[in-house]
PDB file of N, CA and C in Angstrom:
ATOM      1  N   MET A   1      39.094 -51.557  41.619  1.00  0.00           N
ATOM      2  CA  MET A   1      37.874 -51.726  40.902  1.00  0.00           C
ATOM      3  C   MET A   1      36.948 -52.544  41.799  1.00  0.00           C
ATOM      4  N   TYR A   2      35.670 -52.171  41.822  1.00  0.00           N
ATOM      5  CA  TYR A   2      34.697 -52.794  42.719  1.00  0.00           C
ATOM      6  C   TYR A   2      33.449 -53.163  41.934  1.00  0.00           C
ATOM      7  N   TRP A   3      32.938 -54.361  42.151  1.00  0.00           N
ATOM      8  CA  TRP A   3      31.689 -54.811  41.547  1.00  0.00           C
ATOM      9  C   TRP A   3      30.838 -55.419  42.644  1.00  0.00           C
ATOM     10  N   SER A   4      29.535 -55.135  42.629  1.00  0.00           N
ATOM     11  CA  SER A   4      28.626 -55.790  43.567  1.00  0.00           C
ATOM     12  C   SER A   4      27.317 -56.087  42.857  1.00  0.00           C
ATOM     13  N   GLY A   5      26.645 -57.123  43.316  1.00  0.00           N
ATOM     14  CA  GLY A   5      25.366 -57.513  42.753  1.00  0.00           C
ATOM     15  C   GLY A   5      24.256 -57.283  43.765  1.00  0.00           C
ATOM     16  N   TRP A   6      23.034 -57.201  43.271  1.00  0.00           N
ATOM     17  CA  TRP A   6      21.885 -56.974  44.153  1.00  0.00           C
ATOM     18  C   TRP A   6      21.729 -58.097  45.171  1.00  0.00           C
ATOM     19  N   GLY A   7      22.223 -59.281  44.864  1.00  0.00           N
ATOM     20  CA  GLY A   7      22.069 -60.430  45.753  1.00  0.00           C
ATOM     21  C   GLY A   7      23.001 -60.430  46.947  1.00  0.00           C
ATOM     22  N   GLY A   8      23.916 -59.483  47.042  1.00  0.00           N
ATOM     23  CA  GLY A   8      24.773 -59.374  48.216  1.00  0.00           C
ATOM     24  C   GLY A   8      26.209 -59.805  48.005  1.00  0.00           C
ATOM     25  N   GLY A   9      26.591 -60.219  46.807  1.00  0.00           N
ATOM     26  CA  GLY A   9      27.981 -60.577  46.553  1.00  0.00           C
ATOM     27  C   GLY A   9      28.772 -59.387  46.045  1.00  0.00           C
ATOM     28  N   PHE A  10      30.081 -59.399  46.279  1.00  0.00           N
ATOM     29  CA  PHE A  10      30.943 -58.345  45.743  1.00  0.00           C
ATOM     30  C   PHE A  10      32.300 -58.938  45.382  1.00  0.00           C
ATOM     31  N   ALA A  11      33.002 -58.242  44.515  1.00  0.00           N
ATOM     32  CA  ALA A  11      34.381 -58.572  44.160  1.00  0.00           C
ATOM     33  C   ALA A  11      35.129 -57.254  43.990  1.00  0.00           C
ATOM     34  N   ALA A  12      36.364 -57.245  44.381  1.00  0.00           N
ATOM     35  CA  ALA A  12      37.181 -56.035  44.254  1.00  0.00           C
ATOM     36  C   ALA A  12      38.583 -56.422  43.821  1.00  0.00           C
ATOM     37  N   GLN A  13      39.218 -55.494  43.150  1.00  0.00           N
ATOM     38  CA  GLN A  13      40.587 -55.691  42.705  1.00  0.00           C
ATOM     39  C   GLN A  13      41.366 -54.423  43.037  1.00  0.00           C
ATOM     40  N   ARG A  14      42.454 -54.596  43.735  1.00  0.00           N
ATOM     41  CA  ARG A  14      43.325 -53.457  44.036  1.00  0.00           C
ATOM     42  C   ARG A  14      44.436 -53.445  42.999  1.00  0.00           C
ATOM     43  N   PHE A  15      44.777 -52.241  42.541  1.00  0.00           N
ATOM     44  CA  PHE A  15      45.729 -52.146  41.439  1.00  0.00           C
ATOM     45  C   PHE A  15      46.490 -50.839  41.483  1.00  0.00           C
ATOM     46  N   THR A  16      47.566 -50.793  40.723  1.00  0.00           N
ATOM     47  CA  THR A  16      48.290 -49.552  40.432  1.00  0.00           C
ATOM     48  C   THR A  16      48.208 -49.356  38.918  1.00  0.00           C
ATOM     49  N   TRP A  17      48.407 -48.133  38.477  1.00  0.00           N
ATOM     50  CA  TRP A  17      48.343 -47.878  37.043  1.00  0.00           C
ATOM     51  C   TRP A  17      49.381 -46.852  36.654  1.00  0.00           C
ATOM     52  N   THR A  18      49.766 -46.928  35.391  1.00  0.00           N
ATOM     53  CA  THR A  18      50.690 -45.958  34.808  1.00  0.00           C
ATOM     54  C   THR A  18      50.197 -45.598  33.415  1.00  0.00           C
ATOM     55  N   SER A  19      50.604 -44.451  32.966  1.00  0.00           N
ATOM     56  CA  SER A  19      50.289 -44.037  31.607  1.00  0.00           C
ATOM     57  C   SER A  19      51.474 -44.453  30.743  1.00  0.00           C
ATOM     58  N   GLY A  20      51.227 -45.408  29.838  1.00  0.00           N
ATOM     59  CA  GLY A  20      52.297 -45.928  28.998  1.00  0.00           C
ATOM     60  C   GLY A  20      52.542 -45.103  27.756  1.00  0.00           C
ATOM     61  N   GLY A  21      51.797 -44.030  27.577  1.00  0.00           N
ATOM     62  CA  GLY A  21      51.916 -43.182  26.401  1.00  0.00           C
ATOM     63  C   GLY A  21      50.637 -42.390  26.242  1.00  0.00           C
ATOM     64  N   PRO A  22      50.539 -41.613  25.178  1.00  0.00           N
ATOM     65  CA  PRO A  22      49.322 -40.819  24.970  1.00  0.00           C
ATOM     66  C   PRO A  22      48.096 -41.729  24.866  1.00  0.00           C
ATOM     67  N   GLU A  23      47.118 -41.443  25.665  1.00  0.00           N
ATOM     68  CA  GLU A  23      45.843 -42.163  25.660  1.00  0.00           C
ATOM     69  C   GLU A  23      46.013 -43.667  25.837  1.00  0.00           C
ATOM     70  N   MET A  24      46.986 -44.071  26.687  1.00  0.00           N
ATOM     71  CA  MET A  24      47.224 -45.477  26.971  1.00  0.00           C
ATOM     72  C   MET A  24      47.402 -45.633  28.479  1.00  0.00           C
ATOM     73  N   ILE A  25      46.759 -46.640  29.039  1.00  0.00           N
ATOM     74  CA  ILE A  25      46.872 -46.886  30.469  1.00  0.00           C
ATOM     75  C   ILE A  25      47.222 -48.358  30.686  1.00  0.00           C
ATOM     76  N   THR A  26      48.199 -48.594  31.565  1.00  0.00           N
ATOM     77  CA  THR A  26      48.589 -49.952  31.933  1.00  0.00           C
ATOM     78  C   THR A  26      48.239 -50.159  33.399  1.00  0.00           C
ATOM     79  N   VAL A  27      47.504 -51.234  33.660  1.00  0.00           N
ATOM     80  CA  VAL A  27      47.035 -51.544  35.015  1.00  0.00           C
ATOM     81  C   VAL A  27      47.725 -52.817  35.479  1.00  0.00           C
ATOM     82  N   ARG A  28      48.229 -52.782  36.724  1.00  0.00           N
ATOM     83  CA  ARG A  28      48.827 -53.971  37.335  1.00  0.00           C
ATOM     84  C   ARG A  28      48.020 -54.308  38.576  1.00  0.00           C
ATOM     85  N   ALA A  29      47.249 -55.384  38.496  1.00  0.00           N
ATOM     86  CA  ALA A  29      46.461 -55.841  39.642  1.00  0.00           C
ATOM     87  C   ALA A  29      47.390 -56.562  40.610  1.00  0.00           C
ATOM     88  N   HIS A  30      47.212 -56.279  41.918  1.00  0.00           N
ATOM     89  CA  HIS A  30      48.062 -56.937  42.912  1.00  0.00           C
ATOM     90  C   HIS A  30      47.269 -57.657  43.997  1.00  0.00           C
ATOM     91  N   THR A  31      45.979 -57.356  44.151  1.00  0.00           N
ATOM     92  CA  THR A  31      45.168 -58.025  45.167  1.00  0.00           C
ATOM     93  C   THR A  31      43.747 -58.207  44.641  1.00  0.00           C
ATOM     94  N   GLU A  32      43.185 -59.394  44.844  1.00  0.00           N
ATOM     95  CA  GLU A  32      41.783 -59.645  44.517  1.00  0.00           C
ATOM     96  C   GLU A  32      41.080 -60.149  45.764  1.00  0.00           C
ATOM     97  N   LEU A  33      39.860 -59.655  45.994  1.00  0.00           N
ATOM     98  CA  LEU A  33      39.078 -60.112  47.129  1.00  0.00           C
ATOM     99  C   LEU A  33      37.618 -60.196  46.740  1.00  0.00           C
ATOM    100  N   ASP A  34      36.892 -61.063  47.440  1.00  0.00           N
ATOM    101  CA  ASP A  34      35.454 -61.140  47.228  1.00  0.00           C
ATOM    102  C   ASP A  34      34.776 -61.598  48.504  1.00  0.00           C
ATOM    103  N   GLY A  35      33.465 -61.539  48.486  1.00  0.00           N
ATOM    104  CA  GLY A  35      32.688 -61.911  49.660  1.00  0.00           C
ATOM    105  C   GLY A  35      31.262 -61.435  49.530  1.00  0.00           C
ATOM    106  N   ASP A  36      30.677 -61.094  50.677  1.00  0.00           N
ATOM    107  CA  ASP A  36      29.282 -60.662  50.734  1.00  0.00           C
ATOM    108  C   ASP A  36      29.187 -59.281  51.360  1.00  0.00           C
ATOM    109  N   TRP A  37      28.241 -58.488  50.876  1.00  0.00           N
ATOM    110  CA  TRP A  37      27.978 -57.179  51.458  1.00  0.00           C
ATOM    111  C   TRP A  37      26.582 -57.191  52.062  1.00  0.00           C
ATOM    112  N   SER A  38      26.358 -56.292  53.018  1.00  0.00           N
ATOM    113  CA  SER A  38      25.033 -56.126  53.618  1.00  0.00           C
ATOM    114  C   SER A  38      24.933 -54.718  54.181  1.00  0.00           C
ATOM    115  N   LEU A  39      23.724 -54.319  54.515  1.00  0.00           N
ATOM    116  CA  LEU A  39      23.520 -53.049  55.200  1.00  0.00           C
ATOM    117  C   LEU A  39      23.475 -53.325  56.688  1.00  0.00           C
ATOM    118  N   GLY A  40      24.331 -52.641  57.441  1.00  0.00           N
ATOM    119  CA  GLY A  40      24.403 -52.834  58.885  1.00  0.00           C
ATOM    120  C   GLY A  40      23.240 -52.179  59.604  1.00  0.00           C
ATOM    121  N   GLU A  41      23.241 -52.326  60.911  1.00  0.00           N
ATOM    122  CA  GLU A  41      22.178 -51.778  61.766  1.00  0.00           C
ATOM    123  C   GLU A  41      21.979 -50.281  61.545  1.00  0.00           C
ATOM    124  N   ASN A  42      23.084 -49.557  61.340  1.00  0.00           N
ATOM    125  CA  ASN A  42      23.007 -48.101  61.176  1.00  0.00           C
ATOM    126  C   ASN A  42      22.861 -47.685  59.716  1.00  0.00           C
ATOM    127  N   GLY A  43      22.646 -48.653  58.809  1.00  0.00           N
ATOM    128  CA  GLY A  43      22.478 -48.340  57.395  1.00  0.00           C
ATOM    129  C   GLY A  43      23.778 -48.240  56.627  1.00  0.00           C
ATOM    130  N   ALA A  44      24.902 -48.463  57.317  1.00  0.00           N
ATOM    131  CA  ALA A  44      26.207 -48.404  56.644  1.00  0.00           C
ATOM    132  C   ALA A  44      26.446 -49.695  55.866  1.00  0.00           C
ATOM    133  N   LEU A  45      27.117 -49.571  54.761  1.00  0.00           N
ATOM    134  CA  LEU A  45      27.458 -50.716  53.935  1.00  0.00           C
ATOM    135  C   LEU A  45      28.579 -51.495  54.613  1.00  0.00           C
ATOM    136  N   GLU A  46      28.385 -52.801  54.814  1.00  0.00           N
ATOM    137  CA  GLU A  46      29.382 -53.648  55.466  1.00  0.00           C
ATOM    138  C   GLU A  46      29.792 -54.761  54.520  1.00  0.00           C
ATOM    139  N   HIS A  47      31.051 -55.179  54.611  1.00  0.00           N
ATOM    140  CA  HIS A  47      31.591 -56.223  53.741  1.00  0.00           C
ATOM    141  C   HIS A  47      32.184 -57.353  54.577  1.00  0.00           C
ATOM    142  N   ASP A  48      31.862 -58.588  54.212  1.00  0.00           N
ATOM    143  CA  ASP A  48      32.451 -59.777  54.816  1.00  0.00           C
ATOM    144  C   ASP A  48      33.337 -60.418  53.750  1.00  0.00           C
ATOM    145  N   VAL A  49      34.640 -60.254  53.889  1.00  0.00           N
ATOM    146  CA  VAL A  49      35.592 -60.763  52.897  1.00  0.00           C
ATOM    147  C   VAL A  49      35.793 -62.259  53.135  1.00  0.00           C
ATOM    148  N   THR A  50      35.518 -63.075  52.091  1.00  0.00           N
ATOM    149  CA  THR A  50      35.681 -64.526  52.215  1.00  0.00           C
ATOM    150  C   THR A  50      36.920 -65.026  51.479  1.00  0.00           C
ATOM    151  N   THR A  51      37.388 -64.291  50.473  1.00  0.00           N
ATOM    152  CA  THR A  51      38.591 -64.666  49.725  1.00  0.00           C
ATOM    153  C   THR A  51      39.464 -63.437  49.549  1.00  0.00           C
ATOM    154  N   LEU A  52      40.738 -63.594  49.845  1.00  0.00           N
ATOM    155  CA  LEU A  52      41.724 -62.525  49.661  1.00  0.00           C
ATOM    156  C   LEU A  52      42.982 -63.177  49.118  1.00  0.00           C
ATOM    157  N   GLU A  53      43.391 -62.767  47.908  1.00  0.00           N
ATOM    158  CA  GLU A  53      44.603 -63.361  47.362  1.00  0.00           C
ATOM    159  C   GLU A  53      45.456 -62.332  46.638  1.00  0.00           C
ATOM    160  N   GLN A  54      46.758 -62.565  46.691  1.00  0.00           N
ATOM    161  CA  GLN A  54      47.714 -61.723  45.989  1.00  0.00           C
ATOM    162  C   GLN A  54      47.821 -62.231  44.557  1.00  0.00           C
ATOM    163  N   VAL A  55      47.825 -61.317  43.600  1.00  0.00           N
ATOM    164  CA  VAL A  55      47.929 -61.668  42.181  1.00  0.00           C
ATOM    165  C   VAL A  55      48.984 -60.777  41.536  1.00  0.00           C
ATOM    166  N   ASP A  56      49.355 -61.098  40.331  1.00  0.00           N
ATOM    167  CA  ASP A  56      50.268 -60.260  39.565  1.00  0.00           C
ATOM    168  C   ASP A  56      49.826 -60.344  38.108  1.00  0.00           C
ATOM    169  N   ALA A  57      48.913 -59.442  37.729  1.00  0.00           N
ATOM    170  CA  ALA A  57      48.356 -59.439  36.377  1.00  0.00           C
ATOM    171  C   ALA A  57      48.465 -58.029  35.804  1.00  0.00           C
ATOM    172  N   THR A  58      48.898 -57.930  34.566  1.00  0.00           N
ATOM    173  CA  THR A  58      49.056 -56.642  33.908  1.00  0.00           C
ATOM    174  C   THR A  58      48.279 -56.628  32.600  1.00  0.00           C
ATOM    175  N   ALA A  59      47.618 -55.513  32.313  1.00  0.00           N
ATOM    176  CA  ALA A  59      46.887 -55.341  31.056  1.00  0.00           C
ATOM    177  C   ALA A  59      46.969 -53.878  30.633  1.00  0.00           C
ATOM    178  N   THR A  60      46.878 -53.640  29.345  1.00  0.00           N
ATOM    179  CA  THR A  60      46.961 -52.285  28.793  1.00  0.00           C
ATOM    180  C   THR A  60      45.726 -52.003  27.941  1.00  0.00           C
ATOM    181  N   TRP A  61      45.191 -50.794  28.076  1.00  0.00           N
ATOM    182  CA  TRP A  61      44.055 -50.332  27.281  1.00  0.00           C
ATOM    183  C   TRP A  61      44.390 -48.967  26.678  1.00  0.00           C
ATOM    184  N   TYR A  62      43.817 -48.718  25.514  1.00  0.00           N
ATOM    185  CA  TYR A  62      43.813 -47.374  24.963  1.00  0.00           C
ATOM    186  C   TYR A  62      42.502 -46.732  25.387  1.00  0.00           C
ATOM    187  N   TYR A  63      42.522 -45.429  25.615  1.00  0.00           N
ATOM    188  CA  TYR A  63      41.327 -44.752  26.110  1.00  0.00           C
ATOM    189  C   TYR A  63      41.172 -43.390  25.474  1.00  0.00           C
ATOM    190  N   ARG A  64      39.977 -42.846  25.660  1.00  0.00           N
ATOM    191  CA  ARG A  64      39.739 -41.438  25.344  1.00  0.00           C
ATOM    192  C   ARG A  64      38.716 -40.908  26.324  1.00  0.00           C
ATOM    193  N   ILE A  65      38.788 -39.627  26.584  1.00  0.00           N
ATOM    194  CA  ILE A  65      37.849 -38.926  27.453  1.00  0.00           C
ATOM    195  C   ILE A  65      36.845 -38.246  26.525  1.00  0.00           C
ATOM    196  N   ILE A  66      35.551 -38.541  26.745  1.00  0.00           N
ATOM    197  CA  ILE A  66      34.515 -38.013  25.859  1.00  0.00           C
ATOM    198  C   ILE A  66      33.389 -37.377  26.669  1.00  0.00           C
ATOM    199  N   ALA A  67      32.636 -36.513  26.017  1.00  0.00           N
ATOM    200  CA  ALA A  67      31.451 -35.919  26.644  1.00  0.00           C
ATOM    201  C   ALA A  67      30.282 -36.885  26.461  1.00  0.00           C
ATOM    202  N   GLY A  68      29.432 -36.957  27.468  1.00  0.00           N
ATOM    203  CA  GLY A  68      28.251 -37.813  27.398  1.00  0.00           C
ATOM    204  C   GLY A  68      27.128 -37.203  28.200  1.00  0.00           C
ATOM    205  N   ALA A  69      26.067 -37.964  28.391  1.00  0.00           N
ATOM    206  CA  ALA A  69      24.918 -37.495  29.160  1.00  0.00           C
ATOM    207  C   ALA A  69      24.408 -38.627  30.039  1.00  0.00           C
ATOM    208  N   GLY A  70      23.924 -38.264  31.214  1.00  0.00           N
ATOM    209  CA  GLY A  70      23.332 -39.223  32.128  1.00  0.00           C
ATOM    210  C   GLY A  70      21.897 -39.530  31.750  1.00  0.00           C
ATOM    211  N   GLY A  71      21.237 -40.335  32.573  1.00  0.00           N
ATOM    212  CA  GLY A  71      19.871 -40.757  32.318  1.00  0.00           C
ATOM    213  C   GLY A  71      18.865 -39.627  32.273  1.00  0.00           C
ATOM    214  N   LEU A  72      19.171 -38.516  32.925  1.00  0.00           N
ATOM    215  CA  LEU A  72      18.274 -37.356  32.922  1.00  0.00           C
ATOM    216  C   LEU A  72      18.768 -36.254  31.993  1.00  0.00           C
ATOM    217  N   GLY A  73      19.738 -36.598  31.156  1.00  0.00           N
ATOM    218  CA  GLY A  73      20.264 -35.631  30.202  1.00  0.00           C
ATOM    219  C   GLY A  73      21.364 -34.740  30.747  1.00  0.00           C
ATOM    220  N   GLU A  74      21.775 -34.941  32.003  1.00  0.00           N
ATOM    221  CA  GLU A  74      22.823 -34.110  32.586  1.00  0.00           C
ATOM    222  C   GLU A  74      24.165 -34.438  31.941  1.00  0.00           C
ATOM    223  N   PRO A  75      25.000 -33.422  31.729  1.00  0.00           N
ATOM    224  CA  PRO A  75      26.290 -33.665  31.077  1.00  0.00           C
ATOM    225  C   PRO A  75      27.227 -34.476  31.981  1.00  0.00           C
ATOM    226  N   LEU A  76      27.940 -35.407  31.382  1.00  0.00           N
ATOM    227  CA  LEU A  76      28.909 -36.229  32.095  1.00  0.00           C
ATOM    228  C   LEU A  76      30.203 -36.286  31.302  1.00  0.00           C
ATOM    229  N   THR A  77      31.306 -36.449  32.007  1.00  0.00           N
ATOM    230  CA  THR A  77      32.581 -36.745  31.377  1.00  0.00           C
ATOM    231  C   THR A  77      32.781 -38.242  31.487  1.00  0.00           C
ATOM    232  N   LEU A  78      33.036 -38.895  30.361  1.00  0.00           N
ATOM    233  CA  LEU A  78      33.124 -40.349  30.324  1.00  0.00           C
ATOM    234  C   LEU A  78      34.527 -40.812  29.956  1.00  0.00           C
ATOM    235  N   LEU A  79      34.906 -41.957  30.493  1.00  0.00           N
ATOM    236  CA  LEU A  79      36.127 -42.649  30.123  1.00  0.00           C
ATOM    237  C   LEU A  79      35.711 -43.791  29.206  1.00  0.00           C
ATOM    238  N   GLU A  80      36.223 -43.789  27.974  1.00  0.00           N
ATOM    239  CA  GLU A  80      35.897 -44.849  27.020  1.00  0.00           C
ATOM    240  C   GLU A  80      37.163 -45.641  26.719  1.00  0.00           C
ATOM    241  N   LEU A  81      37.119 -46.953  26.979  1.00  0.00           N
ATOM    242  CA  LEU A  81      38.247 -47.834  26.717  1.00  0.00           C
ATOM    243  C   LEU A  81      38.099 -48.486  25.344  1.00  0.00           C
ATOM    244  N   ASP A  82      39.206 -48.963  24.790  1.00  0.00           N
ATOM    245  CA  ASP A  82      39.153 -49.598  23.472  1.00  0.00           C
ATOM    246  C   ASP A  82      38.513 -50.985  23.508  1.00  0.00           C
ATOM    247  N   ARG A  83      38.336 -51.572  24.710  1.00  0.00           N
ATOM    248  CA  ARG A  83      37.682 -52.870  24.857  1.00  0.00           C
ATOM    249  C   ARG A  83      37.227 -53.008  26.307  1.00  0.00           C
ATOM    250  N   PRO A  84      36.330 -53.946  26.588  1.00  0.00           N
ATOM    251  CA  PRO A  84      35.857 -54.131  27.966  1.00  0.00           C
ATOM    252  C   PRO A  84      37.009 -54.473  28.927  1.00  0.00           C
ATOM    253  N   LEU A  85      36.793 -54.183  30.210  1.00  0.00           N
ATOM    254  CA  LEU A  85      37.804 -54.498  31.216  1.00  0.00           C
ATOM    255  C   LEU A  85      38.032 -56.001  31.334  1.00  0.00           C
ATOM    256  N   ASP A  86      36.950 -56.776  31.326  1.00  0.00           N
ATOM    257  CA  ASP A  86      37.073 -58.235  31.327  1.00  0.00           C
ATOM    258  C   ASP A  86      35.797 -58.853  30.789  1.00  0.00           C
ATOM    259  N   GLU A  87      35.770 -60.164  30.678  1.00  0.00           N
ATOM    260  CA  GLU A  87      34.639 -60.846  30.061  1.00  0.00           C
ATOM    261  C   GLU A  87      33.355 -60.738  30.876  1.00  0.00           C
ATOM    262  N   TYR A  88      33.445 -60.469  32.177  1.00  0.00           N
ATOM    263  CA  TYR A  88      32.265 -60.393  33.034  1.00  0.00           C
ATOM    264  C   TYR A  88      31.694 -58.982  33.135  1.00  0.00           C
ATOM    265  N   LEU A  89      32.423 -58.011  32.670  1.00  0.00           N
ATOM    266  CA  LEU A  89      31.987 -56.619  32.686  1.00  0.00           C
ATOM    267  C   LEU A  89      32.020 -56.120  31.245  1.00  0.00           C
ATOM    268  N   PRO A  90      30.930 -56.337  30.490  1.00  0.00           N
ATOM    269  CA  PRO A  90      30.975 -56.138  29.052  1.00  0.00           C
ATOM    270  C   PRO A  90      31.087 -54.689  28.579  1.00  0.00           C
ATOM    271  N   GLY A  91      30.762 -53.707  29.399  1.00  0.00           N
ATOM    272  CA  GLY A  91      30.829 -52.319  28.964  1.00  0.00           C
ATOM    273  C   GLY A  91      32.251 -51.815  28.845  1.00  0.00           C
ATOM    274  N   ASN A  92      32.425 -50.756  28.067  1.00  0.00           N
ATOM    275  CA  ASN A  92      33.753 -50.155  27.954  1.00  0.00           C
ATOM    276  C   ASN A  92      33.723 -48.646  28.189  1.00  0.00           C
ATOM    277  N   THR A  93      32.578 -48.112  28.664  1.00  0.00           N
ATOM    278  CA  THR A  93      32.453 -46.678  28.933  1.00  0.00           C
ATOM    279  C   THR A  93      32.030 -46.487  30.382  1.00  0.00           C
ATOM    280  N   PHE A  94      32.700 -45.571  31.089  1.00  0.00           N
ATOM    281  CA  PHE A  94      32.478 -45.414  32.523  1.00  0.00           C
ATOM    282  C   PHE A  94      32.349 -43.937  32.896  1.00  0.00           C
ATOM    283  N   ALA A  95      31.517 -43.684  33.898  1.00  0.00           N
ATOM    284  CA  ALA A  95      31.370 -42.347  34.475  1.00  0.00           C
ATOM    285  C   ALA A  95      31.577 -42.462  35.980  1.00  0.00           C
ATOM    286  N   GLN A  96      31.997 -41.396  36.599  1.00  0.00           N
ATOM    287  CA  GLN A  96      32.184 -41.373  38.046  1.00  0.00           C
ATOM    288  C   GLN A  96      30.827 -41.397  38.739  1.00  0.00           C
ATOM    289  N   VAL A  97      30.726 -42.175  39.814  1.00  0.00           N
ATOM    290  CA  VAL A  97      29.515 -42.178  40.639  1.00  0.00           C
ATOM    291  C   VAL A  97      29.737 -41.150  41.736  1.00  0.00           C
ATOM    292  N   ALA A  98      28.940 -40.083  41.718  1.00  0.00           N
ATOM    293  CA  ALA A  98      29.114 -38.969  42.657  1.00  0.00           C
ATOM    294  C   ALA A  98      28.280 -39.182  43.919  1.00  0.00           C
ATOM    295  N   GLY A  99      28.407 -38.273  44.864  1.00  0.00           N
ATOM    296  CA  GLY A  99      27.757 -38.367  46.166  1.00  0.00           C
ATOM    297  C   GLY A  99      26.252 -38.558  46.116  1.00  0.00           C
ATOM    298  N   SER A 100      25.531 -37.750  45.346  1.00  0.00           N
ATOM    299  CA  SER A 100      24.078 -37.854  45.331  1.00  0.00           C
ATOM    300  C   SER A 100      23.633 -39.174  44.706  1.00  0.00           C
ATOM    301  N   GLU A 101      24.367 -39.654  43.694  1.00  0.00           N
ATOM    302  CA  GLU A 101      24.031 -40.941  43.091  1.00  0.00           C
ATOM    303  C   GLU A 101      24.291 -42.077  44.072  1.00  0.00           C
ATOM    304  N   MET A 102      25.367 -41.978  44.854  1.00  0.00           N
ATOM    305  CA  MET A 102      25.653 -43.014  45.852  1.00  0.00           C
ATOM    306  C   MET A 102      24.552 -43.042  46.917  1.00  0.00           C
ATOM    307  N   ARG A 103      24.056 -41.876  47.316  1.00  0.00           N
ATOM    308  CA  ARG A 103      22.961 -41.845  48.294  1.00  0.00           C
ATOM    309  C   ARG A 103      21.710 -42.493  47.720  1.00  0.00           C
ATOM    310  N   ALA A 104      21.435 -42.247  46.448  1.00  0.00           N
ATOM    311  CA  ALA A 104      20.266 -42.867  45.805  1.00  0.00           C
ATOM    312  C   ALA A 104      20.427 -44.377  45.730  1.00  0.00           C
ATOM    313  N   ILE A 105      21.627 -44.851  45.401  1.00  0.00           N
ATOM    314  CA  ILE A 105      21.877 -46.291  45.340  1.00  0.00           C
ATOM    315  C   ILE A 105      21.706 -46.904  46.728  1.00  0.00           C
ATOM    316  N   ARG A 106      22.234 -46.242  47.751  1.00  0.00           N
ATOM    317  CA  ARG A 106      22.116 -46.759  49.121  1.00  0.00           C
ATOM    318  C   ARG A 106      20.644 -46.821  49.548  1.00  0.00           C
ATOM    319  N   THR A 107      19.841 -45.814  49.191  1.00  0.00           N
ATOM    320  CA  THR A 107      18.411 -45.815  49.512  1.00  0.00           C
ATOM    321  C   THR A 107      17.714 -46.982  48.827  1.00  0.00           C
ATOM    322  N   LEU A 108      18.030 -47.221  47.555  1.00  0.00           N
ATOM    323  CA  LEU A 108      17.446 -48.362  46.845  1.00  0.00           C
ATOM    324  C   LEU A 108      17.829 -49.674  47.517  1.00  0.00           C
ATOM    325  N   LEU A 109      19.070 -49.804  47.952  1.00  0.00           N
ATOM    326  CA  LEU A 109      19.506 -51.021  48.620  1.00  0.00           C
ATOM    327  C   LEU A 109      18.757 -51.228  49.928  1.00  0.00           C
ATOM    328  N   GLU A 110      18.558 -50.152  50.690  1.00  0.00           N
ATOM    329  CA  GLU A 110      17.829 -50.267  51.949  1.00  0.00           C
ATOM    330  C   GLU A 110      16.396 -50.734  51.700  1.00  0.00           C
ATOM    331  N   LEU A 111      15.745 -50.183  50.674  1.00  0.00           N
ATOM    332  CA  LEU A 111      14.367 -50.592  50.339  1.00  0.00           C
ATOM    333  C   LEU A 111      14.339 -52.041  49.886  1.00  0.00           C
ATOM    334  N   TRP A 112      15.317 -52.417  49.079  1.00  0.00           N
ATOM    335  CA  TRP A 112      15.341 -53.764  48.526  1.00  0.00           C
ATOM    336  C   TRP A 112      15.634 -54.815  49.597  1.00  0.00           C
ATOM    337  N   LYS A 113      16.580 -54.526  50.489  1.00  0.00           N
ATOM    338  CA  LYS A 113      16.956 -55.476  51.540  1.00  0.00           C
ATOM    339  C   LYS A 113      15.862 -55.567  52.613  1.00  0.00           C
ATOM    340  N   GLY A 114      15.022 -54.500  52.697  1.00  0.00           N
ATOM    341  CA  GLY A 114      13.849 -54.488  53.485  1.00  0.00           C
ATOM    342  C   GLY A 114      13.869 -54.399  54.924  1.00  0.00           C
TER     343      GLY A 114
END
């Protein structure tokens, strides 16, 4: 799982997961890292990791796969969890970020970083 802010900070968690039953997922986090991100000379996203630690945390969520729509009305397949992932990420519904959306995000970052 990866989170980044417009100000240049990021946090990531590496994990494994298993399906504990119908519509149930158990996640075991094993590594947490954070630091700063920036756009390099060639426009590539670069990360400077300042903290890297091994963890052992397990959590279980119930989920369902639902139909939804994006900001322009395009159909999306969504993952809806029974509760937020953690207190800092209040949403419980997620969609995949595809190639064209990633290019748009990268363009916005380049404009913003200036």
